Structures are given as C-alpha cells and as structure tokens.
C-alpha cells in the first residue's frame, strides 16, 4: 500500500509539473509614458493597469521614460505599485534627466540597471543601453548629461556585454529581452549585442533567444534579423515631432503652459500598450490602437514616417512561432 501511495504521489508531481510548464504566461507591456509631461499621465497608467488586471497577467513591465525623479513623480510610482503582481521597470534615457542612474534604480526598487528573471518556464533579460562612449571611456547617463552628440549615446557597456553572454549560457529556457533603446537600430553597438544573442542560439542548437522588445522611438514596427524578432513598442502617450505641432488648436492655453513638451508632440487619444501571451508554441502580442488628437499628422501635411520610423498611433498584433532551429 505504501509503495502504491508513493507511485501515485510521484505521478501527481509529474502531472503537476507538466501542467505548470504548459500553462500560458501572460504579461502587459507599455513604454514611454512620460507621465509628468502629459495632462492625463496618471489616467494613462491607470488604464494600463486596469487592462493588466482584466487580462489577469502574471506581471507588468514598462520600457523606460516612465517618470523623472522630481516633485509629482511619487504619485505615479505609487499608482504603478498598486498592481498586485510582479512589476518591472527598464531604464529609459529621460529617467536620468534630473538624477543619477543609481538614484533611479533605488527609487523604483529595480534589481539593478540590468538584470534577468525567470517566469513561467521562460527567461527574461532587461538591458541598459543608457551609456555614453566617447571613444575612450564609458559613462552612465546622469543628470541630463546625454544631450550631446548622438553618436556617443546609447551604448551597452563591456561589463554588461560580458554579463549578458554568461546569463544566456546559464539558462536552457527560451529568452526574451527588454530594452529602452532598440537593439536593431538605436543601440550604437547593437551589432555586438546581436552577435551575443545569435551565438547563444547557435550554441543551443535551437531558437533560444526569440524576441526583443524596445521603446524609445515612439513608433511601431517589427523586424526579424537572423531568426530573432525585434519589436518596437509605441509610446503609451504621444509621438515626438520635434517642431511646433499646432498644439494651441489641441489644448487650452493653461494646459500648453503647464505641459510645454506638448508643443512638439502629438498625443494619442488613449494609451497604447500590449498584452503578450507566451506558450510552448510561440508568442502572441495583442496590441492596441488609438487616434491622434487633432490636428493630426495628416492635418499638418506630414508624411507617414519620421526618419526611419513609421508615424503611427498603434501597436500592431504580432505572432512569433517557435522553431527547433
């Protein structure tokens, strides 16, 4: 009888284990809230959190440019922390406008400026591309020191590259990356990062690194490079134009005076975010769609892109299937 009981218990553990690893993992992702710069910054965060709760996600993550550490930011931090599940932050360049990187990491209770974690049978990696390289030394973004020659910006430092390679080699799980600056386009040494990712896939003998999410560009696109999918998550709040956008026709004078960045931006009429579901078979990204608050880019006679990035108010749906190679 005792032997039968042990066998039944063993079978139960095996079934439970299989069930756990086979359960879909779901998370909510957003980027570039710029909460302090928006008249409805808190409402946008609250809408994102409501969607995360409605979808019963396992965790939430934002990809940087959340809130500068100045008066008023604590309210948005407190709001973010009302989510009952696990919460993750990624460093964005504007998060270091008024403070050091160490101060921001501490305030947001991040594990570090870069880190990794396991969840639901998958391995997640958060990178920090907010570093200056002037040809001789690397320096962290701090107190707005990044308003300089763009060719010196957006580097992943050697210490972090070494850590990334070791972190990837230490796991046999499928891997997903999060960064503010895109590995495919904005990171100045993104090619060095991609070489590490592609090497990990080659050594593993299967598609180990499957997907990399980024923000920063306030746009939406998806591309595949050597078997790895790179997805740009649009801003939750607005597109940055960099020139006057007729905001006097969009907001009353008191709003424009209080939120001066609106002069160079075109907000979305509702927040953008995505719900990501991961299974053994692949990844399903369910995005959201908004409209530009008029005057829209079309009203202003603008083209459908800004430089290399589409000028859109959407995060498109995307499916990424896993393969054995």
C-alpha atoms as a PDB file:
ATOM      1  CA  UNK A   1       0.000   0.000   0.000  1.00  0.00           C
ATOM      2  CA  UNK A   2       2.815   2.387   0.931  1.00  0.00           C
ATOM      3  CA  UNK A   3       4.556   1.654  -2.367  1.00  0.00           C
ATOM      4  CA  UNK A   4       1.389   2.359  -4.354  1.00  0.00           C
ATOM      5  CA  UNK A   5       0.923   5.618  -2.491  1.00  0.00           C
ATOM      6  CA  UNK A   6       4.470   6.722  -3.341  1.00  0.00           C
ATOM      7  CA  UNK A   7       3.947   5.869  -7.009  1.00  0.00           C
ATOM      8  CA  UNK A   8       0.691   7.797  -7.109  1.00  0.00           C
ATOM      9  CA  UNK A   9       2.348  10.772  -5.434  1.00  0.00           C
ATOM     10  CA  UNK A  10       5.181  10.677  -7.974  1.00  0.00           C
ATOM     11  CA  UNK A  11       2.706  10.616 -10.862  1.00  0.00           C
ATOM     12  CA  UNK A  12       0.863  13.540  -9.304  1.00  0.00           C
ATOM     13  CA  UNK A  13       4.083  15.583  -9.124  1.00  0.00           C
ATOM     14  CA  UNK A  14       4.907  14.824 -12.750  1.00  0.00           C
ATOM     15  CA  UNK A  15       1.423  15.805 -13.916  1.00  0.00           C
ATOM     16  CA  UNK A  16       1.504  18.965 -11.819  1.00  0.00           C
ATOM     17  CA  UNK A  17       4.901  19.879 -13.211  1.00  0.00           C
ATOM     18  CA  UNK A  18       3.785  19.354 -16.805  1.00  0.00           C
ATOM     19  CA  UNK A  19       0.643  21.350 -16.173  1.00  0.00           C
ATOM     20  CA  UNK A  20       2.617  24.226 -14.701  1.00  0.00           C
ATOM     21  CA  UNK A  21       5.101  24.467 -17.558  1.00  0.00           C
ATOM     22  CA  UNK A  22       2.316  24.081 -20.109  1.00  0.00           C
ATOM     23  CA  UNK A  23       0.262  26.967 -18.722  1.00  0.00           C
ATOM     24  CA  UNK A  24       0.384  30.125 -20.866  1.00  0.00           C
ATOM     25  CA  UNK A  25       2.365  33.018 -19.423  1.00  0.00           C
ATOM     26  CA  UNK A  26       0.820  36.427 -19.867  1.00  0.00           C
ATOM     27  CA  UNK A  27       2.224  39.899 -19.268  1.00  0.00           C
ATOM     28  CA  UNK A  28       1.310  43.504 -20.055  1.00  0.00           C
ATOM     29  CA  UNK A  29       3.886  45.787 -21.649  1.00  0.00           C
ATOM     30  CA  UNK A  30       3.984  49.547 -22.240  1.00  0.00           C
ATOM     31  CA  UNK A  31       6.639  52.155 -22.930  1.00  0.00           C
ATOM     32  CA  UNK A  32       7.362  55.871 -22.775  1.00  0.00           C
ATOM     33  CA  UNK A  33       4.523  57.026 -20.535  1.00  0.00           C
ATOM     34  CA  UNK A  34       6.338  60.343 -19.877  1.00  0.00           C
ATOM     35  CA  UNK A  35       3.737  60.666 -17.159  1.00  0.00           C
ATOM     36  CA  UNK A  36       4.828  64.089 -15.895  1.00  0.00           C
ATOM     37  CA  UNK A  37       4.668  65.567 -19.398  1.00  0.00           C
ATOM     38  CA  UNK A  38       1.080  64.535 -20.122  1.00  0.00           C
ATOM     39  CA  UNK A  39      -2.080  66.264 -18.882  1.00  0.00           C
ATOM     40  CA  UNK A  40      -3.564  62.805 -18.317  1.00  0.00           C
ATOM     41  CA  UNK A  41      -0.397  60.887 -17.377  1.00  0.00           C
ATOM     42  CA  UNK A  42      -1.985  59.243 -14.346  1.00  0.00           C
ATOM     43  CA  UNK A  43      -5.086  58.233 -16.291  1.00  0.00           C
ATOM     44  CA  UNK A  44      -2.920  56.508 -18.906  1.00  0.00           C
ATOM     45  CA  UNK A  45      -1.079  54.481 -16.281  1.00  0.00           C
ATOM     46  CA  UNK A  46      -4.386  53.611 -14.611  1.00  0.00           C
ATOM     47  CA  UNK A  47      -5.853  52.417 -17.930  1.00  0.00           C
ATOM     48  CA  UNK A  48      -2.831  50.207 -18.497  1.00  0.00           C
ATOM     49  CA  UNK A  49      -3.129  48.717 -15.007  1.00  0.00           C
ATOM     50  CA  UNK A  50      -6.851  48.081 -15.496  1.00  0.00           C
ATOM     51  CA  UNK A  51      -6.157  46.196 -18.723  1.00  0.00           C
ATOM     52  CA  UNK A  52      -3.446  44.176 -16.964  1.00  0.00           C
ATOM     53  CA  UNK A  53      -5.836  43.260 -14.167  1.00  0.00           C
ATOM     54  CA  UNK A  54      -8.680  42.472 -16.578  1.00  0.00           C
ATOM     55  CA  UNK A  55      -6.362  40.131 -18.508  1.00  0.00           C
ATOM     56  CA  UNK A  56      -5.116  38.569 -15.261  1.00  0.00           C
ATOM     57  CA  UNK A  57      -1.495  38.922 -16.375  1.00  0.00           C
ATOM     58  CA  UNK A  58       1.408  37.373 -14.498  1.00  0.00           C
ATOM     59  CA  UNK A  59       3.464  40.565 -14.496  1.00  0.00           C
ATOM     60  CA  UNK A  60       3.695  44.067 -15.933  1.00  0.00           C
ATOM     61  CA  UNK A  61       6.691  45.842 -17.427  1.00  0.00           C
ATOM     62  CA  UNK A  62       7.380  49.321 -18.800  1.00  0.00           C
ATOM     63  CA  UNK A  63      10.272  50.003 -21.162  1.00  0.00           C
ATOM     64  CA  UNK A  64      11.548  53.295 -19.785  1.00  0.00           C
ATOM     65  CA  UNK A  65      10.864  57.045 -19.825  1.00  0.00           C
ATOM     66  CA  UNK A  66       8.297  56.487 -17.124  1.00  0.00           C
ATOM     67  CA  UNK A  67       8.784  59.485 -14.849  1.00  0.00           C
ATOM     68  CA  UNK A  68      11.617  61.852 -13.915  1.00  0.00           C
ATOM     69  CA  UNK A  69      12.511  61.886 -10.223  1.00  0.00           C
ATOM     70  CA  UNK A  70      11.067  65.308  -9.435  1.00  0.00           C
ATOM     71  CA  UNK A  71       8.084  66.577  -7.464  1.00  0.00           C
ATOM     72  CA  UNK A  72       4.962  64.787  -8.613  1.00  0.00           C
ATOM     73  CA  UNK A  73       6.647  61.571  -9.705  1.00  0.00           C
ATOM     74  CA  UNK A  74       5.902  59.748  -6.437  1.00  0.00           C
ATOM     75  CA  UNK A  75       2.183  59.741  -7.212  1.00  0.00           C
ATOM     76  CA  UNK A  76       2.833  57.822 -10.437  1.00  0.00           C
ATOM     77  CA  UNK A  77       5.183  55.416  -8.676  1.00  0.00           C
ATOM     78  CA  UNK A  78       2.520  54.749  -6.049  1.00  0.00           C
ATOM     79  CA  UNK A  79      -0.077  54.192  -8.758  1.00  0.00           C
ATOM     80  CA  UNK A  80       2.181  51.720 -10.584  1.00  0.00           C
ATOM     81  CA  UNK A  81       2.768  49.854  -7.344  1.00  0.00           C
ATOM     82  CA  UNK A  82      -0.948  49.238  -6.829  1.00  0.00           C
ATOM     83  CA  UNK A  83      -0.666  46.320  -9.246  1.00  0.00           C
ATOM     84  CA  UNK A  84      -0.727  43.229  -7.059  1.00  0.00           C
ATOM     85  CA  UNK A  85       1.515  41.049  -9.236  1.00  0.00           C
ATOM     86  CA  UNK A  86       5.179  41.395 -10.157  1.00  0.00           C
ATOM     87  CA  UNK A  87       6.219  44.760 -11.583  1.00  0.00           C
ATOM     88  CA  UNK A  88       9.320  45.536 -13.640  1.00  0.00           C
ATOM     89  CA  UNK A  89      10.985  48.692 -14.929  1.00  0.00           C
ATOM     90  CA  UNK A  90      13.515  49.298 -17.698  1.00  0.00           C
ATOM     91  CA  UNK A  91      15.783  52.337 -17.643  1.00  0.00           C
ATOM     92  CA  UNK A  92      14.984  54.996 -20.244  1.00  0.00           C
ATOM     93  CA  UNK A  93      17.197  57.936 -21.129  1.00  0.00           C
ATOM     94  CA  UNK A  94      14.799  60.590 -19.801  1.00  0.00           C
ATOM     95  CA  UNK A  95      14.570  58.754 -16.488  1.00  0.00           C
ATOM     96  CA  UNK A  96      18.059  60.167 -15.800  1.00  0.00           C
ATOM     97  CA  UNK A  97      17.321  63.796 -16.669  1.00  0.00           C
ATOM     98  CA  UNK A  98      17.320  65.004 -13.051  1.00  0.00           C
ATOM     99  CA  UNK A  99      19.175  62.272 -11.193  1.00  0.00           C
ATOM    100  CA  UNK A 100      21.785  59.540 -11.400  1.00  0.00           C
ATOM    101  CA  UNK A 101      21.138  56.040 -12.609  1.00  0.00           C
ATOM    102  CA  UNK A 102      21.754  54.656  -9.131  1.00  0.00           C
ATOM    103  CA  UNK A 103      19.169  57.020  -7.645  1.00  0.00           C
ATOM    104  CA  UNK A 104      16.555  55.955 -10.178  1.00  0.00           C
ATOM    105  CA  UNK A 105      17.220  52.240  -9.720  1.00  0.00           C
ATOM    106  CA  UNK A 106      16.873  52.694  -5.961  1.00  0.00           C
ATOM    107  CA  UNK A 107      13.704  54.806  -6.194  1.00  0.00           C
ATOM    108  CA  UNK A 108      11.981  52.297  -8.495  1.00  0.00           C
ATOM    109  CA  UNK A 109      13.242  49.345  -6.445  1.00  0.00           C
ATOM    110  CA  UNK A 110      14.808  47.738  -9.507  1.00  0.00           C
ATOM    111  CA  UNK A 111      17.159  44.742  -9.012  1.00  0.00           C
ATOM    112  CA  UNK A 112      19.810  46.684 -10.931  1.00  0.00           C
ATOM    113  CA  UNK A 113      20.336  48.760 -14.042  1.00  0.00           C
ATOM    114  CA  UNK A 114      20.327  45.448 -15.928  1.00  0.00           C
ATOM    115  CA  UNK A 115      19.011  42.127 -14.638  1.00  0.00           C
ATOM    116  CA  UNK A 116      17.189  38.926 -15.540  1.00  0.00           C
ATOM    117  CA  UNK A 117      14.403  36.786 -14.121  1.00  0.00           C
ATOM    118  CA  UNK A 118      12.564  33.543 -14.824  1.00  0.00           C
ATOM    119  CA  UNK A 119       8.831  33.303 -15.132  1.00  0.00           C
ATOM    120  CA  UNK A 120       6.549  30.520 -16.373  1.00  0.00           C
ATOM    121  CA  UNK A 121       9.305  28.455 -17.972  1.00  0.00           C
ATOM    122  CA  UNK A 122      10.840  31.450 -19.786  1.00  0.00           C
ATOM    123  CA  UNK A 123      13.904  33.607 -19.157  1.00  0.00           C
ATOM    124  CA  UNK A 124      13.621  37.402 -19.371  1.00  0.00           C
ATOM    125  CA  UNK A 125      16.531  39.822 -19.697  1.00  0.00           C
ATOM    126  CA  UNK A 126      16.472  43.569 -19.067  1.00  0.00           C
ATOM    127  CA  UNK A 127      19.273  45.609 -20.663  1.00  0.00           C
ATOM    128  CA  UNK A 128      20.587  49.111 -20.024  1.00  0.00           C
ATOM    129  CA  UNK A 129      21.545  50.961 -23.201  1.00  0.00           C
ATOM    130  CA  UNK A 130      21.827  54.316 -21.449  1.00  0.00           C
ATOM    131  CA  UNK A 131      25.572  54.776 -21.578  1.00  0.00           C
ATOM    132  CA  UNK A 132      27.908  57.288 -23.210  1.00  0.00           C
ATOM    133  CA  UNK A 133      31.050  56.204 -25.034  1.00  0.00           C
ATOM    134  CA  UNK A 134      33.389  58.945 -26.240  1.00  0.00           C
ATOM    135  CA  UNK A 135      35.969  56.630 -27.773  1.00  0.00           C
ATOM    136  CA  UNK A 136      37.995  56.204 -24.603  1.00  0.00           C
ATOM    137  CA  UNK A 137      35.636  55.524 -21.691  1.00  0.00           C
ATOM    138  CA  UNK A 138      32.046  54.574 -20.878  1.00  0.00           C
ATOM    139  CA  UNK A 139      29.892  56.757 -18.633  1.00  0.00           C
ATOM    140  CA  UNK A 140      26.369  56.337 -17.294  1.00  0.00           C
ATOM    141  CA  UNK A 141      23.596  58.738 -18.190  1.00  0.00           C
ATOM    142  CA  UNK A 142      23.116  61.066 -15.214  1.00  0.00           C
ATOM    143  CA  UNK A 143      21.512  64.443 -14.584  1.00  0.00           C
ATOM    144  CA  UNK A 144      20.816  65.111 -18.258  1.00  0.00           C
ATOM    145  CA  UNK A 145      24.397  64.595 -19.480  1.00  0.00           C
ATOM    146  CA  UNK A 146      23.105  62.829 -22.604  1.00  0.00           C
ATOM    147  CA  UNK A 147      22.070  65.951 -24.514  1.00  0.00           C
ATOM    148  CA  UNK A 148      25.217  65.686 -26.615  1.00  0.00           C
ATOM    149  CA  UNK A 149      26.410  64.238 -29.930  1.00  0.00           C
ATOM    150  CA  UNK A 150      24.072  61.299 -30.634  1.00  0.00           C
ATOM    151  CA  UNK A 151      26.973  59.218 -31.971  1.00  0.00           C
ATOM    152  CA  UNK A 152      28.277  58.966 -28.407  1.00  0.00           C
ATOM    153  CA  UNK A 153      24.969  57.750 -26.981  1.00  0.00           C
ATOM    154  CA  UNK A 154      23.038  54.515 -26.445  1.00  0.00           C
ATOM    155  CA  UNK A 155      25.848  52.068 -25.745  1.00  0.00           C
ATOM    156  CA  UNK A 156      25.786  48.797 -23.829  1.00  0.00           C
ATOM    157  CA  UNK A 157      28.967  48.830 -21.752  1.00  0.00           C
ATOM    158  CA  UNK A 158      31.538  45.976 -21.820  1.00  0.00           C
ATOM    159  CA  UNK A 159      30.692  44.856 -18.281  1.00  0.00           C
ATOM    160  CA  UNK A 160      27.085  44.347 -19.330  1.00  0.00           C
ATOM    161  CA  UNK A 161      28.008  42.554 -22.558  1.00  0.00           C
ATOM    162  CA  UNK A 162      30.091  40.081 -20.570  1.00  0.00           C
ATOM    163  CA  UNK A 163      27.237  39.578 -18.121  1.00  0.00           C
ATOM    164  CA  UNK A 164      24.741  39.054 -20.963  1.00  0.00           C
ATOM    165  CA  UNK A 165      26.817  36.284 -22.512  1.00  0.00           C
ATOM    166  CA  UNK A 166      27.150  34.487 -19.162  1.00  0.00           C
ATOM    167  CA  UNK A 167      23.480  34.965 -18.327  1.00  0.00           C
ATOM    168  CA  UNK A 168      22.382  33.420 -21.622  1.00  0.00           C
ATOM    169  CA  UNK A 169      24.739  30.464 -21.271  1.00  0.00           C
ATOM    170  CA  UNK A 170      23.403  29.751 -17.770  1.00  0.00           C
ATOM    171  CA  UNK A 171      19.828  29.058 -18.909  1.00  0.00           C
ATOM    172  CA  UNK A 172      18.242  26.494 -21.198  1.00  0.00           C
ATOM    173  CA  UNK A 173      14.930  28.360 -21.381  1.00  0.00           C
ATOM    174  CA  UNK A 174      13.520  30.428 -24.233  1.00  0.00           C
ATOM    175  CA  UNK A 175      14.686  34.015 -23.784  1.00  0.00           C
ATOM    176  CA  UNK A 176      13.001  37.391 -24.284  1.00  0.00           C
ATOM    177  CA  UNK A 177      14.797  40.728 -23.966  1.00  0.00           C
ATOM    178  CA  UNK A 178      13.594  44.157 -22.891  1.00  0.00           C
ATOM    179  CA  UNK A 179      15.440  47.415 -23.514  1.00  0.00           C
ATOM    180  CA  UNK A 180      14.586  51.067 -23.955  1.00  0.00           C
ATOM    181  CA  UNK A 181      16.735  51.721 -26.998  1.00  0.00           C
ATOM    182  CA  UNK A 182      16.219  49.180 -29.767  1.00  0.00           C
ATOM    183  CA  UNK A 183      18.957  46.585 -30.265  1.00  0.00           C
ATOM    184  CA  UNK A 184      18.220  46.536 -34.003  1.00  0.00           C
ATOM    185  CA  UNK A 185      18.501  50.273 -34.635  1.00  0.00           C
ATOM    186  CA  UNK A 186      19.161  52.691 -31.751  1.00  0.00           C
ATOM    187  CA  UNK A 187      21.928  50.982 -29.765  1.00  0.00           C
ATOM    188  CA  UNK A 188      25.238  52.190 -31.181  1.00  0.00           C
ATOM    189  CA  UNK A 189      26.825  48.799 -30.505  1.00  0.00           C
ATOM    190  CA  UNK A 190      23.670  46.816 -31.154  1.00  0.00           C
ATOM    191  CA  UNK A 191      25.623  44.614 -33.537  1.00  0.00           C
ATOM    192  CA  UNK A 192      27.762  43.420 -30.600  1.00  0.00           C
ATOM    193  CA  UNK A 193      24.599  42.620 -28.630  1.00  0.00           C
ATOM    194  CA  UNK A 194      23.064  40.764 -31.571  1.00  0.00           C
ATOM    195  CA  UNK A 195      26.232  38.711 -32.030  1.00  0.00           C
ATOM    196  CA  UNK A 196      25.897  37.501 -28.444  1.00  0.00           C
ATOM    197  CA  UNK A 197      22.223  36.633 -28.961  1.00  0.00           C
ATOM    198  CA  UNK A 198      22.890  34.816 -32.222  1.00  0.00           C
ATOM    199  CA  UNK A 199      25.834  32.965 -30.714  1.00  0.00           C
ATOM    200  CA  UNK A 200      23.600  31.760 -27.884  1.00  0.00           C
ATOM    201  CA  UNK A 201      21.104  30.426 -30.426  1.00  0.00           C
ATOM    202  CA  UNK A 202      23.849  28.692 -32.408  1.00  0.00           C
ATOM    203  CA  UNK A 203      25.333  27.060 -29.329  1.00  0.00           C
ATOM    204  CA  UNK A 204      21.941  25.962 -28.032  1.00  0.00           C
ATOM    205  CA  UNK A 205      21.010  24.294 -31.301  1.00  0.00           C
ATOM    206  CA  UNK A 206      17.511  25.770 -31.202  1.00  0.00           C
ATOM    207  CA  UNK A 207      15.833  29.180 -31.276  1.00  0.00           C
ATOM    208  CA  UNK A 208      16.722  30.079 -27.696  1.00  0.00           C
ATOM    209  CA  UNK A 209      16.531  33.871 -27.965  1.00  0.00           C
ATOM    210  CA  UNK A 210      13.204  34.507 -29.635  1.00  0.00           C
ATOM    211  CA  UNK A 211      12.164  38.098 -29.157  1.00  0.00           C
ATOM    212  CA  UNK A 212      13.447  41.535 -28.124  1.00  0.00           C
ATOM    213  CA  UNK A 213      11.094  44.380 -27.141  1.00  0.00           C
ATOM    214  CA  UNK A 214      12.133  48.035 -27.129  1.00  0.00           C
ATOM    215  CA  UNK A 215      10.667  51.531 -26.844  1.00  0.00           C
ATOM    216  CA  UNK A 216      12.254  54.983 -27.159  1.00  0.00           C
ATOM    217  CA  UNK A 217      11.254  55.736 -30.769  1.00  0.00           C
ATOM    218  CA  UNK A 218       7.528  56.331 -30.092  1.00  0.00           C
ATOM    219  CA  UNK A 219       6.701  54.179 -33.094  1.00  0.00           C
ATOM    220  CA  UNK A 220       5.651  50.682 -34.058  1.00  0.00           C
ATOM    221  CA  UNK A 221       7.405  48.124 -36.243  1.00  0.00           C
ATOM    222  CA  UNK A 222       8.556  44.524 -36.213  1.00  0.00           C
ATOM    223  CA  UNK A 223      11.576  43.096 -37.977  1.00  0.00           C
ATOM    224  CA  UNK A 224      13.476  39.817 -37.957  1.00  0.00           C
ATOM    225  CA  UNK A 225      17.275  39.639 -38.014  1.00  0.00           C
ATOM    226  CA  UNK A 226      18.941  36.234 -38.268  1.00  0.00           C
ATOM    227  CA  UNK A 227      15.987  34.420 -36.763  1.00  0.00           C
ATOM    228  CA  UNK A 228      15.344  36.813 -33.846  1.00  0.00           C
ATOM    229  CA  UNK A 229      12.285  39.083 -33.837  1.00  0.00           C
ATOM    230  CA  UNK A 230      12.712  42.721 -32.783  1.00  0.00           C
ATOM    231  CA  UNK A 231       9.538  44.598 -31.868  1.00  0.00           C
ATOM    232  CA  UNK A 232       9.214  48.316 -31.214  1.00  0.00           C
ATOM    233  CA  UNK A 233       6.556  49.144 -28.608  1.00  0.00           C
ATOM    234  CA  UNK A 234       4.957  52.519 -29.306  1.00  0.00           C
ATOM    235  CA  UNK A 235       4.731  55.198 -26.642  1.00  0.00           C
ATOM    236  CA  UNK A 236       1.755  54.955 -24.332  1.00  0.00           C
ATOM    237  CA  UNK A 237       1.244  58.678 -24.748  1.00  0.00           C
ATOM    238  CA  UNK A 238       2.434  60.525 -27.859  1.00  0.00           C
ATOM    239  CA  UNK A 239       4.704  60.800 -30.854  1.00  0.00           C
ATOM    240  CA  UNK A 240       7.577  63.277 -30.618  1.00  0.00           C
ATOM    241  CA  UNK A 241       7.708  65.557 -33.672  1.00  0.00           C
ATOM    242  CA  UNK A 242      10.443  67.947 -32.569  1.00  0.00           C
ATOM    243  CA  UNK A 243       8.812  71.020 -34.099  1.00  0.00           C
ATOM    244  CA  UNK A 244       5.633  73.022 -33.379  1.00  0.00           C
ATOM    245  CA  UNK A 245       2.501  70.884 -33.853  1.00  0.00           C
ATOM    246  CA  UNK A 246      -0.299  73.494 -33.628  1.00  0.00           C
ATOM    247  CA  UNK A 247      -0.959  72.436 -30.071  1.00  0.00           C
ATOM    248  CA  UNK A 248      -2.798  75.728 -29.493  1.00  0.00           C
ATOM    249  CA  UNK A 249      -5.596  74.071 -31.518  1.00  0.00           C
ATOM    250  CA  UNK A 250      -5.368  70.949 -29.380  1.00  0.00           C
ATOM    251  CA  UNK A 251      -5.302  72.168 -25.779  1.00  0.00           C
ATOM    252  CA  UNK A 252      -6.290  75.346 -23.945  1.00  0.00           C
ATOM    253  CA  UNK A 253      -3.546  77.833 -23.093  1.00  0.00           C
ATOM    254  CA  UNK A 254      -3.276  76.768 -19.440  1.00  0.00           C
ATOM    255  CA  UNK A 255      -2.549  73.164 -20.452  1.00  0.00           C
ATOM    256  CA  UNK A 256       0.054  74.182 -23.018  1.00  0.00           C
ATOM    257  CA  UNK A 257       1.788  76.395 -20.462  1.00  0.00           C
ATOM    258  CA  UNK A 258       1.821  73.666 -17.832  1.00  0.00           C
ATOM    259  CA  UNK A 259       2.980  70.928 -20.233  1.00  0.00           C
ATOM    260  CA  UNK A 260       5.402  72.653 -22.628  1.00  0.00           C
ATOM    261  CA  UNK A 261       6.557  69.428 -24.333  1.00  0.00           C
ATOM    262  CA  UNK A 262       3.106  69.160 -25.903  1.00  0.00           C
ATOM    263  CA  UNK A 263       4.172  71.944 -28.272  1.00  0.00           C
ATOM    264  CA  UNK A 264       6.469  69.487 -30.058  1.00  0.00           C
ATOM    265  CA  UNK A 265       4.331  66.351 -29.761  1.00  0.00           C
ATOM    266  CA  UNK A 266       1.079  64.863 -30.993  1.00  0.00           C
ATOM    267  CA  UNK A 267      -0.684  62.858 -28.259  1.00  0.00           C
ATOM    268  CA  UNK A 268      -2.799  59.752 -28.765  1.00  0.00           C
ATOM    269  CA  UNK A 269      -6.427  59.930 -27.665  1.00  0.00           C
ATOM    270  CA  UNK A 270      -5.932  56.864 -25.443  1.00  0.00           C
ATOM    271  CA  UNK A 271      -2.948  54.929 -24.098  1.00  0.00           C
ATOM    272  CA  UNK A 272      -1.153  52.305 -26.163  1.00  0.00           C
ATOM    273  CA  UNK A 273       0.066  49.032 -24.659  1.00  0.00           C
ATOM    274  CA  UNK A 274       0.122  45.326 -25.463  1.00  0.00           C
ATOM    275  CA  UNK A 275      -0.828  42.043 -23.804  1.00  0.00           C
ATOM    276  CA  UNK A 276       1.698  39.295 -24.526  1.00  0.00           C
ATOM    277  CA  UNK A 277       0.876  35.609 -24.187  1.00  0.00           C
ATOM    278  CA  UNK A 278       3.653  33.008 -24.289  1.00  0.00           C
ATOM    279  CA  UNK A 279       3.267  29.238 -24.690  1.00  0.00           C
ATOM    280  CA  UNK A 280       5.489  26.386 -25.772  1.00  0.00           C
ATOM    281  CA  UNK A 281       4.447  27.061 -29.356  1.00  0.00           C
ATOM    282  CA  UNK A 282       5.172  30.769 -29.545  1.00  0.00           C
ATOM    283  CA  UNK A 283       4.281  34.335 -28.619  1.00  0.00           C
ATOM    284  CA  UNK A 284       1.053  36.222 -29.298  1.00  0.00           C
ATOM    285  CA  UNK A 285       1.214  40.011 -28.997  1.00  0.00           C
ATOM    286  CA  UNK A 286      -2.179  41.709 -28.769  1.00  0.00           C
ATOM    287  CA  UNK A 287      -1.719  45.427 -29.334  1.00  0.00           C
ATOM    288  CA  UNK A 288      -3.972  48.464 -29.088  1.00  0.00           C
ATOM    289  CA  UNK A 289      -4.975  51.239 -31.467  1.00  0.00           C
ATOM    290  CA  UNK A 290      -5.580  54.928 -30.853  1.00  0.00           C
ATOM    291  CA  UNK A 291      -6.155  58.085 -32.870  1.00  0.00           C
ATOM    292  CA  UNK A 292      -4.001  61.196 -32.978  1.00  0.00           C
ATOM    293  CA  UNK A 293      -5.525  64.161 -31.181  1.00  0.00           C
ATOM    294  CA  UNK A 294      -6.183  66.718 -33.925  1.00  0.00           C
ATOM    295  CA  UNK A 295      -4.521  68.479 -35.581  1.00  0.00           C
ATOM    296  CA  UNK A 296      -3.241  65.083 -36.770  1.00  0.00           C
ATOM    297  CA  UNK A 297      -0.075  64.483 -38.802  1.00  0.00           C
ATOM    298  CA  UNK A 298      -2.263  64.333 -41.903  1.00  0.00           C
ATOM    299  CA  UNK A 299      -3.881  67.659 -40.970  1.00  0.00           C
ATOM    300  CA  UNK A 300      -0.371  69.094 -40.795  1.00  0.00           C
ATOM    301  CA  UNK A 301       0.639  67.679 -44.186  1.00  0.00           C
ATOM    302  CA  UNK A 302       3.202  65.312 -42.722  1.00  0.00           C
ATOM    303  CA  UNK A 303       4.459  62.103 -44.289  1.00  0.00           C
ATOM    304  CA  UNK A 304       3.720  58.649 -42.879  1.00  0.00           C
ATOM    305  CA  UNK A 305       7.131  58.307 -41.241  1.00  0.00           C
ATOM    306  CA  UNK A 306       9.647  60.257 -39.197  1.00  0.00           C
ATOM    307  CA  UNK A 307      13.097  59.291 -40.384  1.00  0.00           C
ATOM    308  CA  UNK A 308      13.305  55.511 -40.227  1.00  0.00           C
ATOM    309  CA  UNK A 309      10.240  55.101 -38.002  1.00  0.00           C
ATOM    310  CA  UNK A 310       6.562  54.844 -39.026  1.00  0.00           C
ATOM    311  CA  UNK A 311       4.400  57.739 -37.818  1.00  0.00           C
ATOM    312  CA  UNK A 312       1.517  55.732 -36.365  1.00  0.00           C
ATOM    313  CA  UNK A 313      -0.803  55.621 -33.339  1.00  0.00           C
ATOM    314  CA  UNK A 314      -0.915  51.854 -32.913  1.00  0.00           C
ATOM    315  CA  UNK A 315       0.811  48.798 -31.512  1.00  0.00           C
ATOM    316  CA  UNK A 316       0.057  46.092 -34.048  1.00  0.00           C
ATOM    317  CA  UNK A 317      -0.726  42.479 -33.230  1.00  0.00           C
ATOM    318  CA  UNK A 318       2.112  40.055 -33.836  1.00  0.00           C
ATOM    319  CA  UNK A 319       2.644  36.290 -33.712  1.00  0.00           C
ATOM    320  CA  UNK A 320       6.077  34.716 -33.280  1.00  0.00           C
ATOM    321  CA  UNK A 321       6.244  30.950 -33.710  1.00  0.00           C
ATOM    322  CA  UNK A 322       8.965  28.919 -32.047  1.00  0.00           C
ATOM    323  CA  UNK A 323      11.102  26.602 -34.154  1.00  0.00           C
ATOM    324  CA  UNK A 324      13.637  23.969 -33.182  1.00  0.00           C
ATOM    325  CA  UNK A 325      16.434  25.751 -35.064  1.00  0.00           C
END
